[in-house]
Protein backbone atom coordinates (compact mmCIF):
# COMPACT_ATOMS: atom_id res chain seq x y z
CA MET A 1 -11.12 166.55 -129.60
CA THR A 2 -13.83 169.15 -130.03
CA MET A 3 -13.08 169.38 -133.76
CA VAL A 4 -13.19 165.57 -134.08
CA LYS A 5 -16.53 165.45 -132.27
CA CYS A 6 -17.94 168.10 -134.60
CA VAL A 7 -16.81 166.18 -137.68
CA LEU A 8 -18.25 162.92 -136.33
CA PHE A 9 -21.53 164.63 -135.43
CA THR A 10 -21.79 166.26 -138.87
CA THR A 11 -21.03 162.97 -140.62
CA LEU A 12 -23.58 161.12 -138.50
CA MET A 13 -26.26 163.72 -139.23
CA ALA A 14 -25.53 163.54 -142.97
CA ILE A 15 -25.89 159.75 -142.89
CA LEU A 16 -29.16 159.99 -140.99
CA ILE A 17 -30.54 162.60 -143.41
CA MET A 18 -29.53 160.54 -146.45
CA THR A 19 -31.04 157.41 -144.90
CA SER A 20 -34.25 159.28 -144.13
CA GLN A 21 -34.43 160.65 -147.68
CA GLY A 22 -33.80 157.19 -149.10
CA ARG A 23 -36.59 155.69 -147.01
CA SER A 24 -38.92 158.53 -147.98
CA GLN A 25 -38.19 157.99 -151.69
CA ALA A 26 -38.70 154.24 -151.28
CA ARG A 27 -42.09 154.80 -149.60
CA GLU A 28 -43.13 157.22 -152.35
CA GLY A 29 -42.03 154.70 -154.96
CA GLU A 30 -44.06 151.96 -153.28
CA LYS A 31 -47.14 154.21 -153.34
CA GLN A 32 -46.70 154.85 -157.06
CA ALA A 33 -46.15 151.15 -157.72
CA GLU A 34 -49.28 150.24 -155.80
CA ALA A 35 -51.25 152.75 -157.88
CA ASP A 36 -50.01 150.90 -160.99
CA ARG A 37 -51.11 147.48 -159.73
CA ILE A 38 -53.36 145.45 -162.06
CA THR A 39 -55.88 143.43 -160.08
CA SER A 40 -57.13 141.62 -163.18
CA LEU A 41 -57.58 142.05 -166.92
CA PRO A 42 -60.86 141.52 -168.82
CA GLY A 43 -61.36 137.81 -169.40
CA GLN A 44 -58.19 136.93 -167.50
CA PRO A 45 -57.78 133.46 -165.94
CA ASN A 46 -56.61 133.15 -162.34
CA VAL A 47 -52.87 133.69 -161.96
CA THR A 48 -50.30 133.49 -159.17
CA PHE A 49 -48.12 136.39 -160.31
CA GLU A 50 -48.39 140.17 -159.79
CA GLN A 51 -48.93 142.67 -162.62
CA PHE A 52 -48.37 146.41 -162.87
CA SER A 53 -48.71 148.97 -165.66
CA GLY A 54 -48.51 152.71 -166.01
CA TYR A 55 -46.54 155.68 -167.28
CA VAL A 56 -43.12 157.09 -166.49
CA THR A 57 -42.45 160.68 -167.60
CA VAL A 58 -39.05 160.95 -169.28
CA ALA A 59 -39.25 164.62 -170.38
CA LYS A 60 -41.31 167.03 -168.27
CA HIS A 61 -41.06 169.97 -170.67
CA SER A 62 -42.90 168.06 -173.40
CA GLY A 63 -44.82 165.62 -171.24
CA ARG A 64 -43.11 162.73 -173.01
CA SER A 65 -44.14 159.57 -171.17
CA LEU A 66 -43.43 155.90 -171.78
CA PHE A 67 -45.88 153.12 -170.98
CA TYR A 68 -44.86 149.84 -169.36
CA TRP A 69 -46.44 146.53 -168.38
CA LEU A 70 -44.69 144.44 -165.73
CA THR A 71 -45.63 140.78 -165.32
CA GLU A 72 -43.66 139.34 -162.45
CA ALA A 73 -42.36 135.80 -162.38
CA SER A 74 -44.95 133.14 -161.62
CA HIS A 75 -42.68 131.50 -159.03
CA LEU A 76 -40.28 133.15 -156.55
CA PRO A 77 -40.18 136.55 -158.32
CA LEU A 78 -37.77 138.04 -155.78
CA SER A 79 -35.10 135.56 -156.86
CA LYS A 80 -35.60 136.06 -160.61
CA PRO A 81 -33.90 138.59 -162.92
CA LEU A 82 -35.66 141.47 -164.67
CA VAL A 83 -36.00 141.09 -168.45
CA ILE A 84 -36.86 144.26 -170.39
CA TRP A 85 -38.53 143.63 -173.75
CA LEU A 86 -38.58 146.02 -176.71
CA ASN A 87 -40.35 145.33 -179.99
CA GLY A 88 -38.99 146.71 -183.22
CA GLY A 89 -40.58 148.12 -186.35
CA PRO A 90 -39.64 150.81 -185.64
CA GLY A 91 -43.11 151.57 -184.36
CA CYS A 92 -44.33 148.17 -183.13
CA SER A 93 -45.99 147.95 -179.73
CA SER A 94 -44.30 145.76 -177.13
CA VAL A 95 -47.69 145.17 -175.52
CA ALA A 96 -49.47 144.22 -178.75
CA TYR A 97 -46.69 141.99 -180.09
CA GLY A 98 -44.15 140.87 -177.49
CA ALA A 99 -46.60 140.59 -174.61
CA SER A 100 -49.77 139.50 -176.41
CA GLU A 101 -48.41 137.33 -179.22
CA GLU A 102 -44.97 136.10 -178.24
CA ILE A 103 -43.40 135.85 -174.77
CA GLY A 104 -46.07 137.29 -172.45
CA PRO A 105 -48.13 135.29 -169.96
CA PHE A 106 -51.41 135.54 -171.88
CA ARG A 107 -52.78 134.75 -175.31
CA ILE A 108 -55.91 136.37 -176.71
CA SER A 109 -58.78 134.00 -177.44
CA LYS A 110 -60.35 133.86 -180.88
CA GLY A 111 -62.57 136.86 -181.46
CA GLY A 112 -60.97 138.74 -178.58
CA SER A 113 -63.41 137.12 -176.15
CA GLY A 114 -60.90 136.60 -173.36
CA LEU A 115 -57.42 135.46 -172.38
CA TYR A 116 -55.77 132.12 -171.77
CA LEU A 117 -52.35 131.26 -170.37
CA ASN A 118 -49.32 130.99 -172.63
CA LYS A 119 -47.53 127.79 -171.65
CA PHE A 120 -44.27 129.13 -173.11
CA ALA A 121 -44.33 132.49 -171.29
CA TRP A 122 -40.96 133.84 -170.22
CA ASN A 123 -42.30 134.90 -166.83
CA SER A 124 -41.90 131.28 -165.78
CA ILE A 125 -38.19 132.11 -165.34
CA ALA A 126 -38.00 135.92 -165.16
CA ASN A 127 -39.85 139.13 -164.33
CA LEU A 128 -40.94 140.66 -167.64
CA LEU A 129 -41.01 144.41 -168.23
CA PHE A 130 -42.58 145.34 -171.57
CA LEU A 131 -41.60 148.87 -172.59
CA GLU A 132 -43.37 150.90 -175.29
CA ALA A 133 -40.70 153.08 -176.92
CA PRO A 134 -40.25 155.60 -178.42
CA ALA A 135 -43.08 157.99 -177.53
CA GLY A 136 -45.85 157.55 -180.08
CA VAL A 137 -45.57 153.77 -180.06
CA GLY A 138 -48.40 151.83 -178.45
CA PHE A 139 -49.70 153.66 -175.36
CA SER A 140 -46.61 155.89 -174.98
CA TYR A 141 -47.25 159.53 -175.82
CA THR A 142 -45.97 163.09 -175.90
CA ASN A 143 -47.78 166.42 -175.56
CA ARG A 144 -45.56 168.01 -178.20
CA SER A 145 -46.31 166.86 -181.73
CA SER A 146 -42.83 167.78 -182.99
CA ASP A 147 -41.46 164.93 -180.84
CA LEU A 148 -43.12 162.50 -183.23
CA PHE A 149 -41.20 163.93 -186.20
CA ASN A 150 -37.86 164.52 -184.49
CA THR A 151 -37.56 161.11 -182.89
CA GLY A 152 -34.71 158.69 -183.56
CA ASP A 153 -32.47 156.01 -182.10
CA ILE A 154 -30.43 158.43 -179.96
CA ARG A 155 -33.47 159.93 -178.25
CA THR A 156 -35.07 156.50 -177.86
CA ALA A 157 -31.99 155.21 -176.03
CA LYS A 158 -31.77 158.27 -173.76
CA ASP A 159 -35.51 158.18 -173.01
CA SER A 160 -35.28 154.47 -172.24
CA LEU A 161 -32.49 155.14 -169.75
CA GLN A 162 -34.51 157.89 -168.05
CA PHE A 163 -37.46 155.53 -167.93
CA LEU A 164 -35.43 152.79 -166.25
CA ILE A 165 -33.85 155.14 -163.68
CA LYS A 166 -37.26 156.46 -162.63
CA TRP A 167 -38.92 153.06 -162.87
CA LEU A 168 -36.36 151.60 -160.46
CA GLN A 169 -37.22 154.40 -158.02
CA ARG A 170 -40.83 153.29 -158.27
CA PHE A 171 -39.88 149.63 -157.83
CA PRO A 172 -36.85 149.75 -155.48
CA ARG A 173 -36.96 145.97 -154.96
CA TYR A 174 -35.41 145.69 -158.45
CA ASN A 175 -32.52 148.07 -157.73
CA ARG A 176 -29.89 145.36 -157.28
CA ARG A 177 -31.55 142.81 -159.51
CA GLU A 178 -29.82 141.38 -162.57
CA ILE A 179 -31.23 143.08 -165.67
CA TYR A 180 -31.28 141.78 -169.24
CA ILE A 181 -32.46 143.85 -172.22
CA THR A 182 -34.08 141.85 -175.00
CA GLY A 183 -36.14 142.39 -178.13
CA GLU A 184 -36.58 141.58 -181.78
CA SER A 185 -36.32 143.09 -185.25
CA TYR A 186 -35.46 146.82 -185.04
CA ALA A 187 -34.59 146.22 -181.40
CA GLY A 188 -31.28 145.23 -183.01
CA HIS A 189 -30.73 149.00 -182.83
CA TYR A 190 -32.74 149.78 -179.69
CA VAL A 191 -31.22 147.15 -177.39
CA PRO A 192 -27.46 147.74 -177.84
CA GLN A 193 -27.89 151.52 -177.83
CA PHE A 194 -29.98 151.33 -174.66
CA ALA A 195 -27.30 149.12 -173.10
CA ARG A 196 -24.59 151.62 -174.06
CA GLU A 197 -26.53 154.42 -172.35
CA ILE A 198 -26.73 152.31 -169.19
CA MET A 199 -23.00 151.56 -169.27
CA ASN A 200 -22.17 155.26 -169.68
CA TYR A 201 -24.56 156.10 -166.85
CA ASN A 202 -22.94 153.49 -164.60
CA LYS A 203 -19.53 155.16 -165.02
CA ARG A 204 -20.77 158.33 -163.32
CA SER A 205 -23.45 156.98 -160.98
CA LYS A 206 -23.17 156.00 -157.32
CA ASN A 207 -26.08 153.62 -157.88
CA PRO A 208 -25.18 151.69 -161.03
CA ILE A 209 -27.79 149.62 -162.85
CA ASN A 210 -26.99 145.91 -162.67
CA LEU A 211 -27.04 145.23 -166.41
CA LYS A 212 -25.95 141.62 -167.02
CA GLY A 213 -26.57 141.10 -170.73
CA ILE A 214 -28.53 141.75 -173.92
CA MET A 215 -30.26 139.50 -176.43
CA VAL A 216 -31.97 140.23 -179.76
CA GLY A 217 -33.83 137.82 -182.02
CA ASN A 218 -34.10 138.31 -185.78
CA ALA A 219 -32.18 141.53 -185.27
CA VAL A 220 -32.10 144.42 -187.72
CA THR A 221 -28.45 145.46 -187.74
CA ASP A 222 -27.14 146.12 -191.26
CA ASN A 223 -29.19 146.44 -194.46
CA HIS A 224 -26.84 144.44 -196.66
CA TYR A 225 -26.40 141.44 -194.40
CA ASP A 226 -29.99 141.48 -193.13
CA ASN A 227 -31.53 141.53 -196.61
CA LEU A 228 -29.05 139.14 -198.20
CA GLY A 229 -29.46 136.86 -195.19
CA THR A 230 -33.23 136.83 -195.60
CA VAL A 231 -33.03 135.81 -199.25
CA THR A 232 -30.39 133.19 -198.47
CA TYR A 233 -32.59 131.82 -195.68
CA TRP A 234 -35.51 131.43 -198.11
CA TRP A 235 -33.28 129.61 -200.58
CA SER A 236 -31.50 127.37 -198.05
CA HIS A 237 -34.89 126.27 -196.68
CA ALA A 238 -36.30 125.43 -200.12
CA MET A 239 -38.84 128.26 -200.04
CA ILE A 240 -37.65 129.69 -203.37
CA SER A 241 -36.02 128.17 -206.43
CA ASP A 242 -32.34 128.29 -207.36
CA ARG A 243 -33.21 130.47 -210.32
CA THR A 244 -35.12 133.06 -208.28
CA TYR A 245 -32.41 133.12 -205.62
CA HIS A 246 -29.65 133.84 -208.13
CA GLN A 247 -31.79 136.48 -209.84
CA LEU A 248 -32.35 138.24 -206.52
CA VAL A 249 -28.65 138.13 -205.61
CA ASN A 250 -27.59 139.43 -209.03
CA THR A 251 -30.30 142.10 -209.33
CA CYS A 252 -30.86 143.61 -205.88
CA ASP A 253 -28.68 146.14 -204.09
CA PHE A 254 -29.29 144.93 -200.56
CA THR A 255 -27.83 148.06 -198.96
CA ARG A 256 -30.62 150.36 -200.17
CA GLN A 257 -33.79 151.21 -198.27
CA THR A 258 -35.78 151.25 -201.53
CA GLU A 259 -35.01 148.67 -204.18
CA SER A 260 -35.36 148.93 -207.96
CA ASP A 261 -38.63 147.97 -209.63
CA GLU A 262 -36.96 144.88 -211.08
CA CYS A 263 -35.83 143.75 -207.64
CA GLU A 264 -39.25 144.42 -206.09
CA THR A 265 -40.85 142.35 -208.85
CA LEU A 266 -38.56 139.45 -207.99
CA TYR A 267 -39.42 139.77 -204.29
CA SER A 268 -43.13 139.70 -205.12
CA TYR A 269 -42.71 136.67 -207.36
CA ALA A 270 -40.79 134.78 -204.68
CA MET A 271 -43.35 135.44 -201.96
CA GLU A 272 -46.53 135.14 -204.03
CA LYS A 273 -45.59 132.34 -206.44
CA GLU A 274 -42.94 130.22 -204.75
CA PHE A 275 -43.44 130.40 -200.98
CA GLY A 276 -46.64 128.39 -201.04
CA ASN A 277 -48.82 128.32 -197.96
CA ILE A 278 -45.96 128.96 -195.52
CA ASP A 279 -45.49 131.53 -192.78
CA GLN A 280 -41.97 132.80 -193.40
CA TYR A 281 -41.62 133.79 -189.73
CA ASN A 282 -42.39 130.27 -188.50
CA ILE A 283 -41.85 127.88 -191.39
CA TYR A 284 -42.12 124.69 -189.32
CA ALA A 285 -45.57 125.47 -187.93
CA PRO A 286 -48.94 125.50 -189.70
CA PRO A 287 -49.88 128.92 -191.10
CA CYS A 288 -52.99 130.88 -190.23
CA ASN A 289 -55.21 130.13 -193.20
CA LYS A 290 -57.61 133.00 -193.74
CA SER A 291 -60.83 132.71 -195.68
CA SER A 292 -62.86 135.74 -196.69
CA GLU A 293 -65.72 136.57 -198.93
CA VAL A 294 -65.53 139.91 -200.67
CA GLY A 295 -68.79 141.41 -201.86
CA GLY A 296 -68.93 142.34 -205.52
CA GLY A 297 -71.21 144.68 -207.42
CA VAL A 298 -74.98 144.87 -207.29
CA GLY A 299 -76.62 141.50 -207.78
CA GLY A 300 -73.40 139.55 -207.66
CA SER A 301 -70.35 138.69 -205.59
CA SER A 302 -66.80 137.64 -206.05
CA GLY A 303 -64.49 136.04 -203.55
CA ARG A 304 -61.09 134.56 -202.98
CA ARG A 305 -60.48 131.73 -200.54
CA SER A 306 -56.94 130.91 -199.46
CA MET A 307 -55.73 127.33 -199.66
CA HIS A 308 -56.46 125.07 -196.69
CA LEU A 309 -54.01 122.26 -196.16
CA PRO A 310 -55.45 118.90 -195.03
CA HIS A 311 -52.91 118.64 -192.20
CA LEU A 312 -53.92 121.96 -190.60
CA PRO A 313 -54.74 121.04 -186.98
CA HIS A 314 -58.07 121.79 -185.37
CA SER A 315 -58.12 124.94 -183.20
CA VAL A 316 -58.49 122.81 -180.05
CA LEU A 317 -55.30 120.92 -180.91
CA ARG A 318 -53.51 124.22 -181.51
CA LYS A 319 -54.37 125.35 -177.99
CA ILE A 320 -53.32 122.02 -176.47
CA SER A 321 -49.94 122.36 -178.18
CA GLY A 322 -49.70 125.93 -176.91
CA TYR A 323 -49.33 127.52 -180.34
CA ASP A 324 -52.04 129.25 -182.34
CA PRO A 325 -50.76 130.70 -185.65
CA CYS A 326 -53.75 133.06 -185.83
CA THR A 327 -52.90 134.92 -182.61
CA GLU A 328 -51.97 138.07 -184.52
CA ARG A 329 -55.47 138.31 -185.97
CA TYR A 330 -57.04 138.25 -182.50
CA ALA A 331 -54.58 140.79 -181.09
CA GLU A 332 -55.21 143.27 -183.90
């Protein structure tokens, strides 16, 4: 009986110690999260959701740290999943593109004078976590310059996993939450490799991450199919002629990173001569028509004005519809 009592006492003490440590870590995480709280952004309208941003160190020896921006769901955030967003490039900022131009809660007003609400923001149905990865992208950084030259998909995936593990310690309320990893373009590499790291981690962890799914738009996956698919998309949507399409297919080696001069000439002809005034990334919406005057030599000037279509809606109508094709210009 004495031995049994000792075992029970030891087990009870271990449970109490682990519980105490868990509570201590949770309190420390809450303090860090509170330090990351955003009370408001310059020119921001009133909102009902919480925002946080900050850094998570993923490699102490080099000071490699990844930046995040969390915009919680506008309604019942505790019942909504966590969606992690990664932009592609590689090298594109998730804050500058995904958050500010695409799925984030705000749009930047013309001239960068303020913010207005994005009526199509994804935080109407989910908590959005925008992650800047790898180090060197956006606000993410490293104290060792060699990291910027030795980076790659493998390190990006491993750093992203370390980020998420530590971020969940900072925000323990998301520990059991359903998580989806999403992105666009080169995130066709980032997202599935990040997901694989999580799945491998879950096999050996007592606290598995509740990864429920992945999603990538306009994904970069394979040079041949991506490049051939792009050209075929142009042709099937009447953006280029039959002749140019067949010349591209017969001339270009779509598996190569760098094409031949003949192929590049055909690409240039297609985009400059046949596209017309169309945004290839959103062909059904009006393009952002830019006009600029370029100063010439002394005593004279020369300029080039892009074509303005008569159906281009007034900027007020663009905002009413919720879409402004010139958003990228304001964000840059």
